[in-house]
N, C-alpha and C. Protein backbone atom coordinates (compact mmCIF):
# COMPACT_ATOMS: atom_id res chain seq x y z
N MET A 1 -8.42 177.11 -119.01
CA MET A 1 -8.33 176.96 -117.86
C MET A 1 -8.65 177.94 -116.52
N THR A 2 -9.58 177.68 -115.77
CA THR A 2 -9.74 178.44 -114.43
C THR A 2 -8.85 178.16 -113.69
N GLU A 3 -8.18 179.63 -113.13
CA GLU A 3 -7.84 179.74 -111.74
C GLU A 3 -8.70 179.52 -110.66
N HIS A 4 -8.40 178.58 -109.51
CA HIS A 4 -9.07 178.50 -108.31
C HIS A 4 -7.98 179.24 -107.32
N LEU A 5 -8.45 179.75 -106.25
CA LEU A 5 -7.87 180.27 -105.13
C LEU A 5 -7.16 178.68 -104.39
N TYR A 6 -5.76 179.73 -103.98
CA TYR A 6 -4.88 178.54 -103.65
C TYR A 6 -4.78 177.38 -104.40
N GLN A 7 -4.83 177.44 -105.68
CA GLN A 7 -4.68 176.28 -106.57
C GLN A 7 -2.94 175.59 -106.50
N GLU A 8 -2.40 176.11 -106.30
CA GLU A 8 -0.99 175.08 -106.31
C GLU A 8 -0.76 174.64 -105.00
N LEU A 9 -1.33 175.26 -103.59
CA LEU A 9 -1.60 174.51 -102.72
C LEU A 9 -2.31 173.59 -102.71
N THR A 10 -3.09 173.70 -102.96
CA THR A 10 -4.48 172.66 -102.70
C THR A 10 -3.96 171.11 -103.65
N GLY A 11 -3.47 171.53 -104.93
CA GLY A 11 -2.79 170.42 -105.94
C GLY A 11 -1.62 169.76 -104.80
N GLN A 12 -1.00 170.42 -103.72
CA GLN A 12 0.31 169.64 -103.34
C GLN A 12 -0.34 168.90 -102.33
N ILE A 13 -1.55 169.62 -101.37
CA ILE A 13 -2.09 168.65 -100.40
C ILE A 13 -2.99 167.41 -101.10
N VAL A 14 -3.55 167.81 -102.43
CA VAL A 14 -4.35 166.34 -103.12
C VAL A 14 -3.01 165.58 -103.54
N ALA A 15 -2.02 165.81 -103.88
CA ALA A 15 -0.46 164.76 -104.33
C ALA A 15 -0.45 164.42 -102.81
N ALA A 16 -0.04 164.81 -101.70
CA ALA A 16 0.29 163.95 -100.69
C ALA A 16 -0.74 163.08 -100.03
N PHE A 17 -2.21 163.35 -100.28
CA PHE A 17 -3.24 162.44 -100.21
C PHE A 17 -3.19 161.27 -101.12
N TYR A 18 -2.68 161.45 -102.12
CA TYR A 18 -2.88 160.47 -102.96
C TYR A 18 -1.72 159.70 -102.62
N ARG A 19 -0.40 160.19 -102.02
CA ARG A 19 0.52 159.16 -101.92
C ARG A 19 0.06 158.53 -100.37
N VAL A 20 -0.32 158.87 -99.72
CA VAL A 20 -0.84 158.43 -98.37
C VAL A 20 -1.67 156.95 -98.56
N PHE A 21 -3.18 157.56 -99.63
CA PHE A 21 -3.84 156.42 -99.83
C PHE A 21 -3.20 155.66 -100.36
N TYR A 22 -2.50 155.55 -101.26
CA TYR A 22 -2.08 154.32 -102.00
C TYR A 22 -1.12 153.54 -101.29
N ASP A 23 -0.11 154.63 -100.45
CA ASP A 23 0.75 153.87 -99.56
C ASP A 23 0.40 152.79 -98.47
N LEU A 24 -1.12 153.45 -98.00
CA LEU A 24 -1.86 152.48 -96.93
C LEU A 24 -2.99 151.82 -97.36
N ARG A 25 -3.40 151.55 -98.49
CA ARG A 25 -4.83 151.55 -98.90
C ARG A 25 -4.69 149.79 -98.93
N SER A 26 -3.70 149.01 -98.34
CA SER A 26 -3.61 147.44 -97.75
C SER A 26 -3.95 147.51 -96.28
N ARG A 27 -3.94 148.76 -95.87
CA ARG A 27 -4.04 148.46 -94.23
C ARG A 27 -5.52 148.95 -93.98
N ALA A 28 -6.37 148.28 -93.87
CA ALA A 28 -8.01 148.78 -93.78
C ALA A 28 -7.83 149.45 -92.64
N GLY A 29 -7.29 148.66 -91.46
CA GLY A 29 -7.35 148.68 -90.14
C GLY A 29 -7.02 150.44 -89.42
N CYS A 30 -6.52 151.18 -90.47
CA CYS A 30 -5.82 152.49 -90.19
C CYS A 30 -7.43 153.27 -89.85
N ARG A 31 -7.35 153.84 -88.58
CA ARG A 31 -8.59 154.90 -88.16
C ARG A 31 -8.55 156.21 -88.99
N GLU A 32 -9.00 156.91 -88.88
CA GLU A 32 -9.25 158.53 -89.28
C GLU A 32 -7.98 159.15 -88.57
N ALA A 33 -7.89 159.23 -87.33
CA ALA A 33 -6.78 159.63 -86.59
C ALA A 33 -5.55 159.44 -87.19
N GLN A 34 -5.40 158.06 -87.35
CA GLN A 34 -3.94 157.53 -88.23
C GLN A 34 -3.64 157.97 -89.50
N LEU A 35 -4.81 158.10 -90.13
CA LEU A 35 -4.63 158.60 -91.64
C LEU A 35 -4.60 160.31 -91.65
N VAL A 36 -5.03 160.98 -90.65
CA VAL A 36 -4.43 162.34 -90.41
C VAL A 36 -3.03 162.03 -90.30
N GLU A 37 -2.75 161.55 -89.33
CA GLU A 37 -1.02 161.99 -88.63
C GLU A 37 -0.51 161.30 -89.75
N ALA A 38 -0.41 160.51 -90.86
CA ALA A 38 0.20 159.56 -91.92
C ALA A 38 -0.01 161.16 -92.74
N LEU A 39 -0.84 161.90 -92.74
CA LEU A 39 -1.16 162.77 -94.02
C LEU A 39 -0.25 164.22 -93.38
N VAL A 40 -0.35 164.37 -92.09
CA VAL A 40 0.63 165.22 -91.47
C VAL A 40 2.25 164.84 -91.88
N VAL A 41 2.33 163.93 -91.78
CA VAL A 41 3.94 163.50 -92.37
C VAL A 41 4.44 163.66 -93.24
N GLU A 42 3.28 163.46 -94.56
CA GLU A 42 3.79 163.94 -95.74
C GLU A 42 3.69 165.13 -95.92
N LEU A 43 2.84 165.74 -95.76
CA LEU A 43 2.72 167.23 -95.93
C LEU A 43 4.04 168.08 -95.55
N ARG A 44 4.53 167.43 -94.00
CA ARG A 44 5.82 168.22 -93.64
C ARG A 44 6.81 167.35 -94.43
N GLN A 45 6.87 166.54 -95.05
CA GLN A 45 8.10 165.69 -95.60
C GLN A 45 7.87 166.85 -96.98
N ARG A 46 7.10 167.63 -97.60
CA ARG A 46 6.81 168.23 -98.96
C ARG A 46 7.23 169.77 -98.58
N GLY A 47 7.24 169.80 -97.07
CA GLY A 47 7.56 171.56 -96.65
C GLY A 47 6.43 171.98 -96.39
N LEU A 48 5.47 171.58 -96.11
CA LEU A 48 4.36 172.52 -96.07
C LEU A 48 4.15 172.58 -94.29
N ALA A 49 4.03 173.45 -93.61
CA ALA A 49 2.96 173.79 -92.54
C ALA A 49 1.42 173.12 -92.58
N ALA A 50 1.64 172.33 -91.37
CA ALA A 50 0.13 171.54 -91.26
C ALA A 50 -0.19 171.13 -89.56
N ASP A 51 -1.21 172.04 -89.05
CA ASP A 51 -1.58 171.89 -88.02
C ASP A 51 -2.95 170.85 -87.57
N LYS A 52 -3.01 170.24 -86.60
CA LYS A 52 -3.78 169.16 -86.83
C LYS A 52 -5.17 169.65 -85.59
N GLU A 53 -6.05 169.35 -85.72
CA GLU A 53 -7.26 169.66 -84.58
C GLU A 53 -7.30 170.89 -84.12
N VAL A 54 -7.15 171.53 -85.50
CA VAL A 54 -7.32 173.51 -85.07
C VAL A 54 -8.50 173.89 -84.85
N GLY A 55 -9.06 174.62 -83.73
CA GLY A 55 -10.00 174.55 -82.90
C GLY A 55 -10.33 175.82 -84.11
N VAL A 56 -12.13 175.79 -84.05
CA VAL A 56 -12.96 176.60 -84.43
C VAL A 56 -14.19 177.26 -83.58
N THR A 57 -14.37 178.23 -83.58
CA THR A 57 -15.44 179.00 -82.49
C THR A 57 -16.92 179.19 -83.43
N ARG A 58 -17.70 177.77 -83.02
CA ARG A 58 -18.87 177.71 -83.77
C ARG A 58 -19.65 179.58 -83.59
N ARG A 59 -19.94 180.03 -84.17
CA ARG A 59 -20.89 181.35 -84.07
C ARG A 59 -22.36 181.58 -84.43
N TYR A 60 -23.11 182.05 -83.84
CA TYR A 60 -24.56 182.23 -84.38
C TYR A 60 -24.60 183.76 -84.30
N ARG A 61 -24.60 184.87 -85.26
CA ARG A 61 -25.13 185.73 -85.10
C ARG A 61 -23.83 186.90 -84.29
N ALA A 62 -22.41 186.07 -84.33
CA ALA A 62 -21.05 186.89 -84.05
C ALA A 62 -21.20 186.35 -82.67
N THR A 63 -22.40 185.50 -82.29
CA THR A 63 -21.96 185.01 -80.79
C THR A 63 -21.62 183.56 -80.32
N ALA A 64 -20.58 183.34 -80.01
CA ALA A 64 -19.82 181.81 -79.42
C ALA A 64 -20.97 180.91 -79.37
N ILE A 65 -21.42 179.95 -79.93
CA ILE A 65 -22.10 178.89 -79.28
C ILE A 65 -21.56 177.73 -79.31
N GLY A 66 -20.17 177.55 -79.51
CA GLY A 66 -19.67 175.99 -79.24
C GLY A 66 -18.45 176.14 -79.98
N ALA A 67 -17.60 175.02 -80.00
CA ALA A 67 -16.45 175.18 -80.54
C ALA A 67 -16.34 173.33 -81.51
N GLY A 68 -15.83 173.21 -82.33
CA GLY A 68 -15.19 172.34 -83.35
C GLY A 68 -14.15 172.37 -83.62
N PHE A 69 -13.54 171.20 -84.46
CA PHE A 69 -11.98 171.07 -84.82
C PHE A 69 -11.90 170.39 -86.23
N ALA A 70 -11.45 171.61 -87.04
CA ALA A 70 -10.80 170.67 -88.12
C ALA A 70 -9.46 170.10 -88.19
N ASP A 71 -9.55 168.58 -88.91
CA ASP A 71 -8.48 167.94 -88.98
C ASP A 71 -7.20 168.60 -89.15
N LEU A 72 -7.03 169.33 -90.16
CA LEU A 72 -6.04 170.06 -90.62
C LEU A 72 -6.29 171.46 -91.30
N VAL A 73 -5.22 172.25 -90.67
CA VAL A 73 -4.87 173.26 -91.50
C VAL A 73 -3.63 173.59 -92.17
N VAL A 74 -3.76 173.69 -93.61
CA VAL A 74 -2.32 173.52 -94.14
C VAL A 74 -2.00 175.08 -94.58
N GLU A 75 -1.01 175.65 -94.22
CA GLU A 75 -0.14 176.60 -94.48
C GLU A 75 -1.02 177.96 -93.85
N GLU A 76 -1.78 177.71 -92.78
CA GLU A 76 -3.29 178.68 -92.43
C GLU A 76 -3.81 179.56 -93.53
N LEU A 77 -4.16 178.28 -94.69
CA LEU A 77 -4.96 178.73 -95.74
C LEU A 77 -5.98 178.13 -96.12
N VAL A 78 -5.57 176.50 -95.87
CA VAL A 78 -6.68 175.55 -96.32
C VAL A 78 -6.95 174.49 -95.29
N ALA A 79 -8.20 174.30 -94.73
CA ALA A 79 -9.12 173.43 -93.90
C ALA A 79 -8.97 172.33 -94.75
N VAL A 80 -8.64 170.79 -93.89
CA VAL A 80 -9.07 169.83 -94.60
C VAL A 80 -9.82 168.72 -93.59
N GLU A 81 -10.61 168.24 -94.52
CA GLU A 81 -11.49 167.55 -93.17
C GLU A 81 -11.48 165.87 -93.83
N VAL A 82 -10.31 165.16 -93.17
CA VAL A 82 -10.75 163.48 -93.32
C VAL A 82 -11.88 162.62 -93.17
N LYS A 83 -11.99 162.17 -94.00
CA LYS A 83 -12.86 161.09 -93.55
C LYS A 83 -12.35 159.62 -93.84
N LYS A 84 -12.89 158.36 -93.38
CA LYS A 84 -12.93 157.23 -94.02
C LYS A 84 -14.12 156.56 -93.95
N VAL A 85 -15.24 156.87 -95.01
CA VAL A 85 -16.47 156.54 -95.11
C VAL A 85 -16.20 155.90 -96.42
N LYS A 86 -17.61 155.16 -96.90
CA LYS A 86 -17.61 154.29 -98.30
C LYS A 86 -17.93 155.75 -99.12
N ARG A 87 -19.09 156.71 -98.90
CA ARG A 87 -18.99 157.68 -99.42
C ARG A 87 -19.21 158.80 -99.02
N VAL A 88 -18.83 159.78 -99.75
CA VAL A 88 -19.20 161.18 -98.79
C VAL A 88 -20.57 161.75 -99.03
N THR A 89 -20.78 162.40 -98.09
CA THR A 89 -22.50 162.77 -98.07
C THR A 89 -22.83 164.48 -98.10
N ALA A 90 -23.81 164.97 -98.04
CA ALA A 90 -23.99 166.25 -98.18
C ALA A 90 -23.66 166.79 -96.68
N GLN A 91 -23.84 165.74 -95.77
CA GLN A 91 -23.55 166.41 -94.16
C GLN A 91 -22.06 166.23 -94.13
N HIS A 92 -21.25 165.91 -94.81
CA HIS A 92 -19.85 165.80 -94.70
C HIS A 92 -19.44 167.33 -94.91
N ARG A 93 -19.82 167.50 -96.50
CA ARG A 93 -19.48 168.92 -96.98
C ARG A 93 -20.02 170.09 -96.11
N ALA A 94 -21.02 170.00 -95.52
CA ALA A 94 -21.86 170.87 -94.96
C ALA A 94 -20.92 171.40 -93.37
N GLN A 95 -20.29 169.84 -93.14
CA GLN A 95 -19.57 170.49 -91.46
C GLN A 95 -18.11 170.65 -92.12
N LEU A 96 -17.99 170.81 -93.24
CA LEU A 96 -16.28 171.38 -93.79
C LEU A 96 -16.95 172.74 -94.01
N LYS A 97 -17.99 173.20 -94.59
CA LYS A 97 -18.37 174.44 -94.89
C LYS A 97 -18.43 175.22 -93.82
N SER A 98 -19.14 174.56 -92.53
CA SER A 98 -19.32 175.39 -91.63
C SER A 98 -18.05 175.98 -90.82
N TYR A 99 -17.10 174.98 -91.04
CA TYR A 99 -15.42 175.40 -90.68
C TYR A 99 -15.29 176.51 -91.36
N LEU A 100 -15.39 176.34 -92.68
CA LEU A 100 -14.72 177.45 -93.64
C LEU A 100 -15.11 178.70 -93.27
N VAL A 101 -16.56 178.63 -92.87
CA VAL A 101 -17.76 180.14 -92.43
C VAL A 101 -16.41 180.58 -91.08
N ASP A 102 -17.23 179.58 -90.06
CA ASP A 102 -16.67 179.99 -88.40
C ASP A 102 -15.33 180.06 -88.25
N GLY A 103 -14.20 179.43 -89.24
CA GLY A 103 -13.06 179.99 -89.14
C GLY A 103 -12.20 180.96 -90.12
N GLY A 104 -12.80 181.36 -90.73
CA GLY A 104 -12.32 182.24 -91.68
C GLY A 104 -11.59 182.00 -93.29
N TRP A 105 -11.85 180.52 -93.21
CA TRP A 105 -11.19 180.22 -94.79
C TRP A 105 -11.86 179.91 -96.06
N ALA A 106 -11.11 180.29 -96.70
CA ALA A 106 -11.94 180.25 -98.01
C ALA A 106 -11.97 179.21 -98.86
N VAL A 107 -10.85 178.18 -98.65
CA VAL A 107 -10.73 176.91 -99.36
C VAL A 107 -10.46 176.25 -98.45
N GLY A 108 -11.27 174.76 -98.59
CA GLY A 108 -11.18 173.66 -97.61
C GLY A 108 -11.12 172.34 -98.94
N LEU A 109 -10.41 171.25 -98.79
CA LEU A 109 -10.80 170.05 -98.82
C LEU A 109 -11.17 168.87 -97.76
N LEU A 110 -11.91 167.98 -98.47
CA LEU A 110 -12.50 166.79 -97.88
C LEU A 110 -11.87 165.77 -98.63
N LEU A 111 -11.19 165.05 -97.97
CA LEU A 111 -10.41 163.79 -98.43
C LEU A 111 -10.77 162.27 -97.61
N ASN A 112 -11.44 161.91 -98.95
CA ASN A 112 -11.69 160.62 -98.05
C ASN A 112 -11.16 159.51 -98.48
N PHE A 113 -11.00 158.44 -97.50
CA PHE A 113 -9.80 157.42 -97.65
C PHE A 113 -10.54 155.93 -97.64
N GLY A 114 -12.16 156.10 -97.45
CA GLY A 114 -12.94 155.24 -97.11
C GLY A 114 -13.39 154.40 -98.35
N GLY A 115 -13.19 154.53 -99.49
CA GLY A 115 -13.60 154.52 -100.83
C GLY A 115 -12.72 153.44 -101.72
N ALA A 116 -13.24 153.00 -102.11
CA ALA A 116 -12.28 151.94 -103.41
C ALA A 116 -11.16 153.04 -104.14
N GLU A 117 -11.44 154.12 -104.20
CA GLU A 117 -10.78 154.93 -104.78
C GLU A 117 -10.40 156.39 -104.05
N PRO A 118 -9.35 157.05 -104.33
CA PRO A 118 -9.50 158.13 -103.31
C PRO A 118 -10.55 159.30 -104.02
N GLU A 119 -11.19 160.09 -102.86
CA GLU A 119 -12.19 160.77 -103.21
C GLU A 119 -11.56 162.28 -102.49
N VAL A 120 -11.83 163.31 -103.76
CA VAL A 120 -11.39 164.91 -103.13
C VAL A 120 -12.77 165.59 -103.61
N GLN A 121 -13.06 166.55 -102.75
CA GLN A 121 -13.70 167.26 -102.81
C GLN A 121 -13.41 168.81 -102.20
N ARG A 122 -13.54 169.73 -103.28
CA ARG A 122 -13.12 171.05 -102.95
C ARG A 122 -13.95 172.15 -102.32
N ILE A 123 -13.99 172.62 -101.62
CA ILE A 123 -15.26 173.83 -101.08
C ILE A 123 -14.49 175.11 -100.87
N TYR A 124 -15.34 175.91 -101.47
CA TYR A 124 -14.89 177.16 -101.51
C TYR A 124 -16.06 178.30 -100.54
N GLU A 125 -15.49 179.13 -99.87
CA GLU A 125 -16.26 179.99 -98.92
C GLU A 125 -16.25 181.61 -99.95
N ARG A 126 -16.85 182.02 -100.34
CA ARG A 126 -16.79 183.38 -100.87
C ARG A 126 -16.44 184.36 -100.06
N ALA A 127 -17.12 184.38 -99.12
CA ALA A 127 -17.03 185.44 -98.14
C ALA A 127 -15.68 185.75 -97.58
N ASN A 128 -14.69 184.59 -97.80
CA ASN A 128 -13.74 184.61 -97.06
C ASN A 128 -12.68 185.22 -98.07
N ASP A 129 -12.63 185.13 -99.32
CA ASP A 129 -12.19 184.77 -99.98
C ASP A 129 -10.85 186.20 -99.93
N PRO A 130 -9.85 186.80 -99.65
CA PRO A 130 -8.87 187.63 -99.38
C PRO A 130 -8.74 188.27 -100.77
N THR A 131 -8.90 187.79 -101.65
CA THR A 131 -8.81 188.38 -103.30
C THR A 131 -9.80 189.11 -103.79
N LEU A 132 -11.05 189.15 -103.02
CA LEU A 132 -12.16 189.68 -103.70
C LEU A 132 -12.82 191.09 -102.07
N ALA A 133 -13.12 191.90 -102.96
CA ALA A 133 -13.32 193.34 -102.00
C ALA A 133 -14.16 192.53 -101.09
N GLY A 134 -13.89 192.87 -99.53
CA GLY A 134 -14.73 192.90 -98.64
C GLY A 134 -14.46 191.31 -98.17
N GLY A 135 -14.25 190.56 -98.88
CA GLY A 135 -13.35 189.42 -98.45
C GLY A 135 -12.28 188.98 -97.47
N GLY A 136 -12.08 187.86 -96.88
CA GLY A 136 -11.13 187.87 -96.23
C GLY A 136 -11.35 187.91 -94.82
N ALA A 137 -10.20 187.13 -94.00
CA ALA A 137 -10.68 187.39 -92.35
C ALA A 137 -9.95 188.97 -91.68
């Protein structure tokens, strides 16, 4: 079995996501912001630090060119982007990837509440992996 960076932590985040997904699936009217709030409640009840709307400075060649916000950052290690769409697209993955690159995180989770079934995608940014030589923020 392959070990992944922050595997235990991402497993806890995914378990919290599944709990929220199944607890709220009958509430079709929940907006993304409410789903983020519910996820924060669940993560904190599990003893995890979860910060909402974490600022990310967008850069081009080391020059700040704007800002964005990651929906969540858990334990200051994993960026989480929450979606409520029928299908996750390459654009959604690229959004999270850019947060990883600019925010200095190595691991991100894309969590989709919008489909009939929960959807989780893990994104990895090798350049920010603290276990590799030259990696890390």
